[in-house]
Protein backbone atom coordinates (compact mmCIF):
# COMPACT_ATOMS: atom_id res chain seq x y z
CA MET A 1 -9.94 -5.45 18.71
CA LYS A 2 -6.70 -7.58 18.09
CA PHE A 3 -5.86 -7.33 14.35
CA VAL A 4 -5.86 -11.66 12.89
CA ASP A 5 -3.64 -12.11 10.52
CA LEU A 6 -5.24 -13.94 7.65
CA ASN A 7 -2.23 -14.17 5.52
CA ARG A 8 -3.51 -12.64 2.17
CA TYR A 9 -2.90 -13.40 -1.36
CA PHE A 10 -3.32 -10.82 -3.73
CA ILE A 11 -4.13 -11.57 -7.57
CA PRO A 12 -1.18 -8.68 -10.26
CA VAL A 13 -3.30 -7.42 -12.92
CA ALA A 14 -1.72 -6.07 -15.98
CA LYS A 15 -2.28 -2.39 -17.36
CA ASP A 16 -5.85 -1.64 -19.16
CA VAL A 17 -7.11 -5.61 -17.87
CA GLU A 18 -10.58 -5.78 -17.47
CA LEU A 19 -10.96 -6.99 -13.74
CA HIS A 20 -13.33 -10.27 -13.40
CA PHE A 21 -13.18 -11.67 -9.62
CA GLU A 22 -15.91 -13.90 -9.96
CA PHE A 23 -13.73 -17.20 -10.46
CA LEU A 24 -12.02 -16.35 -7.05
CA HIS A 25 -15.17 -17.34 -4.72
CA TYR A 26 -14.06 -21.30 -5.87
CA TRP A 27 -10.45 -21.03 -5.67
CA GLU A 28 -9.08 -22.62 -2.55
CA GLN A 29 -5.22 -22.73 -3.05
CA LYS A 30 -2.47 -20.32 -3.88
CA ALA A 31 -1.98 -20.37 -7.56
CA ALA A 32 1.56 -19.80 -10.06
CA GLY A 33 2.14 -15.68 -9.61
CA TRP A 34 0.07 -14.54 -6.92
CA LEU A 35 2.07 -12.24 -4.61
CA ASP A 36 1.91 -12.05 -0.44
CA TRP A 37 2.82 -8.86 1.38
CA ASN A 38 6.36 -9.74 1.09
CA ASP A 39 6.14 -9.38 -2.35
CA LEU A 40 4.41 -6.70 -2.17
CA ARG A 41 6.52 -5.10 0.20
CA GLY A 42 9.47 -4.88 -2.78
CA HIS A 43 7.49 -2.42 -5.38
CA ARG A 44 7.08 0.99 -5.01
CA ARG A 45 3.45 1.56 -6.14
CA VAL A 46 1.09 -0.94 -5.35
CA VAL A 47 -3.00 -0.12 -5.79
CA LEU A 48 -5.01 -3.45 -3.87
CA LEU A 49 -8.36 -3.95 -4.80
CA ALA A 50 -11.00 -5.74 -2.69
CA GLU A 51 -14.26 -6.00 -2.35
CA ALA A 52 -16.30 -4.16 0.59
CA SER A 53 -15.71 -5.31 3.63
CA SER A 54 -13.30 -7.92 3.00
CA GLY A 55 -10.70 -5.83 5.82
CA LYS A 56 -8.23 -3.13 3.41
CA SER A 57 -7.95 -0.77 5.80
CA ALA A 58 -7.14 -3.18 8.62
CA GLU A 59 -4.33 -4.77 6.62
CA PHE A 60 -2.83 -1.16 5.81
CA ARG A 61 -3.11 -0.13 9.35
CA ASN A 62 -1.78 -3.31 10.70
CA HIS A 63 1.04 -3.49 8.13
CA ALA A 64 1.78 0.26 8.42
CA GLU A 65 2.04 -0.91 12.54
CA LYS A 66 4.28 -4.02 11.95
CA LEU A 67 7.03 -2.00 9.22
CA CYS A 68 7.26 0.59 12.12
CA THR A 69 8.27 -2.18 15.01
CA GLU A 70 10.53 -3.59 12.25
CA GLY A 71 11.87 0.01 12.39
CA HIS A 72 11.34 1.26 9.48
CA SER A 73 9.30 4.62 8.34
CA ALA A 74 5.04 3.85 8.03
CA PHE A 75 2.61 5.68 7.72
CA TYR A 76 -1.51 5.11 7.56
CA LEU A 77 -3.55 8.12 5.74
CA ARG A 78 -6.90 8.32 4.67
CA ILE A 79 -7.90 9.65 1.25
CA GLU A 80 -10.78 11.04 2.78
CA GLU A 81 -8.79 13.03 5.31
CA LEU A 82 -5.93 14.24 3.33
CA ALA A 83 -8.20 15.59 0.51
CA ASP A 84 -9.74 17.57 2.65
CA GLN A 85 -7.74 18.80 5.55
CA GLY A 86 -4.04 18.04 4.43
CA PHE A 87 -1.12 16.02 4.70
CA GLU A 88 0.14 16.24 9.04
CA ALA A 89 -3.29 16.67 9.91
CA ALA A 90 -4.51 12.97 8.15
CA LEU A 91 -1.33 11.43 10.28
CA ASP A 92 -2.21 9.36 13.34
CA GLY A 93 -0.89 10.32 16.76
CA ASN A 94 2.87 10.68 16.71
CA SER A 95 3.58 10.33 13.08
CA ALA A 96 3.29 13.97 12.37
CA LYS A 97 6.65 14.15 14.10
CA ILE A 98 8.51 10.74 12.98
CA PHE A 99 6.86 12.07 9.07
CA LYS A 100 9.12 14.88 9.57
CA GLN A 101 12.26 13.02 10.63
CA TRP A 102 11.58 10.83 8.05
CA ARG A 103 11.52 13.56 5.51
CA GLY A 104 14.73 15.14 6.81
CA GLY A 105 16.72 11.84 6.83
CA ALA A 106 17.55 9.44 4.03
CA SER A 107 15.74 6.29 4.69
CA GLU A 108 12.72 4.97 2.50
CA GLY A 109 9.02 4.48 3.51
CA TRP A 110 5.68 3.66 3.67
CA PHE A 111 2.59 5.16 2.69
CA PHE A 112 -0.57 3.68 3.05
CA LEU A 113 -3.33 5.68 1.42
CA ASP A 114 -6.79 4.15 2.53
CA SER A 115 -10.42 3.71 0.68
CA VAL A 116 -10.52 5.85 -2.67
CA ASP A 117 -13.80 4.60 -2.38
CA GLU A 118 -15.05 5.87 0.84
CA ALA A 119 -13.27 9.60 -0.48
CA ARG A 120 -15.48 9.52 -3.08
CA LEU A 121 -18.49 8.32 -1.55
CA ASN A 122 -18.26 11.50 0.45
CA ARG A 123 -17.27 13.60 -2.50
CA LYS A 124 -13.37 14.06 -1.56
CA SER A 125 -10.91 14.10 -4.95
CA PHE A 126 -8.18 11.29 -4.92
CA GLU A 127 -7.18 13.75 -7.25
CA THR A 128 -6.60 16.99 -4.50
CA ALA A 129 -5.40 13.91 -1.69
CA LEU A 130 -2.52 12.94 -4.14
CA LYS A 131 -1.41 16.64 -4.91
CA ARG A 132 -1.40 17.20 -1.15
CA PHE A 133 1.03 13.81 -1.04
CA ASN A 134 3.13 15.25 -3.60
CA ARG A 135 3.60 18.68 -2.07
CA ASP A 136 4.14 17.61 1.02
CA LEU A 137 6.92 14.88 -0.12
CA ASP A 138 8.48 16.95 -2.69
CA GLN A 139 12.29 15.89 -2.96
CA SER A 140 11.48 12.64 -0.22
CA LEU A 141 8.67 10.71 -2.63
CA GLU A 142 11.19 8.81 -4.47
CA ARG A 143 12.19 7.58 -0.96
CA ALA A 144 8.42 6.69 -0.60
CA ARG A 145 6.95 3.05 -0.95
CA VAL A 146 3.10 3.66 -2.10
CA PHE A 147 0.45 1.86 -1.16
CA VAL A 148 -3.51 2.68 -2.36
CA SER A 149 -6.78 0.50 -1.46
CA CYS A 150 -10.15 1.08 -3.39
CA ARG A 151 -12.73 -1.29 -3.81
CA VAL A 152 -12.87 -3.02 -7.56
CA SER A 153 -15.99 -1.31 -8.46
CA ASP A 154 -15.01 2.29 -7.45
CA TRP A 155 -11.39 2.04 -9.07
CA LYS A 156 -11.75 4.18 -12.22
CA GLY A 157 -9.01 2.56 -14.27
CA THR A 158 -7.16 4.06 -16.75
CA GLU A 159 -8.35 7.07 -15.24
CA ASP A 160 -7.05 6.94 -11.72
CA ARG A 161 -3.50 4.62 -13.28
CA ALA A 162 -2.90 8.35 -14.90
CA LEU A 163 -3.34 10.58 -11.57
CA ILE A 164 -0.89 7.98 -9.75
CA GLU A 165 1.36 8.26 -12.63
CA ARG A 166 1.17 11.54 -12.47
CA PHE A 167 1.66 12.46 -8.69
CA LEU A 168 3.39 9.37 -7.20
CA PRO A 169 6.05 9.03 -10.25
CA SER A 170 8.46 5.99 -9.18
CA TRP A 171 11.90 6.00 -9.20
CA GLU A 172 13.80 2.59 -9.27
CA ARG A 173 16.66 3.20 -6.39
CA PRO A 174 19.82 0.84 -6.30
CA GLU A 175 19.50 -2.27 -4.25
CA ASP A 176 21.15 -2.50 -0.56
CA THR A 177 23.32 -5.40 -0.97
CA SER A 178 25.43 -4.53 2.41
CA SER A 179 25.87 -7.83 4.97
CA ASN A 180 23.35 -6.00 7.09
CA ASN A 181 20.55 -5.72 5.41
CA SER A 182 21.20 -8.76 3.57
CA GLU A 183 20.97 -10.60 7.10
CA HIS A 184 17.78 -8.96 8.07
CA ALA A 185 16.07 -10.09 5.03
CA ALA A 186 16.77 -13.60 5.87
CA LEU A 187 15.48 -13.06 9.59
CA LEU A 188 12.43 -11.92 8.19
CA ASP A 189 12.19 -14.38 4.77
CA PRO A 190 10.33 -16.62 7.76
CA ILE A 191 8.06 -14.19 8.76
CA PHE A 192 5.89 -13.99 5.64
CA LYS A 193 6.87 -17.16 3.89
CA PRO A 194 3.25 -19.12 2.64
CA LYS A 195 1.02 -20.70 5.30
CA ASP A 196 -0.34 -24.48 4.13
CA ARG A 197 -4.34 -23.04 4.77
CA PRO A 198 -6.11 -21.49 1.56
CA SER A 199 -6.44 -17.48 2.26
CA VAL A 200 -8.85 -14.64 0.96
CA PRO A 201 -7.25 -13.54 -2.68
CA TRP A 202 -7.03 -9.46 -3.36
CA ASN A 203 -5.74 -7.96 -6.88
CA ALA A 204 -2.25 -5.94 -7.06
CA ASN A 205 -1.82 -3.40 -9.41
CA LEU A 206 2.40 -2.94 -9.18
CA ASN A 207 4.88 -0.67 -10.02
């Protein structure tokens, strides 16, 4: 089935804030401070929280593919498979070969780790998955931008955040100010500009 871009918006949530989303069902326009995918791509660590059947997996797969078509290294992995089988076994298709090439280089990469809730439903450990991820990226972890998805009801707040801070530490890297990079960003900006129509908001914890 062809992916339909719903132009998602995201609400940034501060650390240790209790989540209440009932009011969002009545919100029809993007509010000040909400983010889109272009904004999220600028962060090094992102947790996306949303309700069941809201399309988290499809969004993750689509944006991994979109980054690849733009010439970046991007990878989609299910957390359940990462915890159970290991990193390379959890990669799709030719991604394992591409990952080895990326790990031996110096460019940034995007990693979409999908569905903490499904992993827990099948009794797979989120901590084990992050340990494997940390081990297999090793020194390359500082070049990784990592996205994690979970249902709101299955996110353990402070406990899960502590796991991410432990196994996915984030370093600030100097921004590339070269002319080529600036021209590339200018070309991409119009693609990700918010559209006028309403869309479904999600929650995002950012680092």
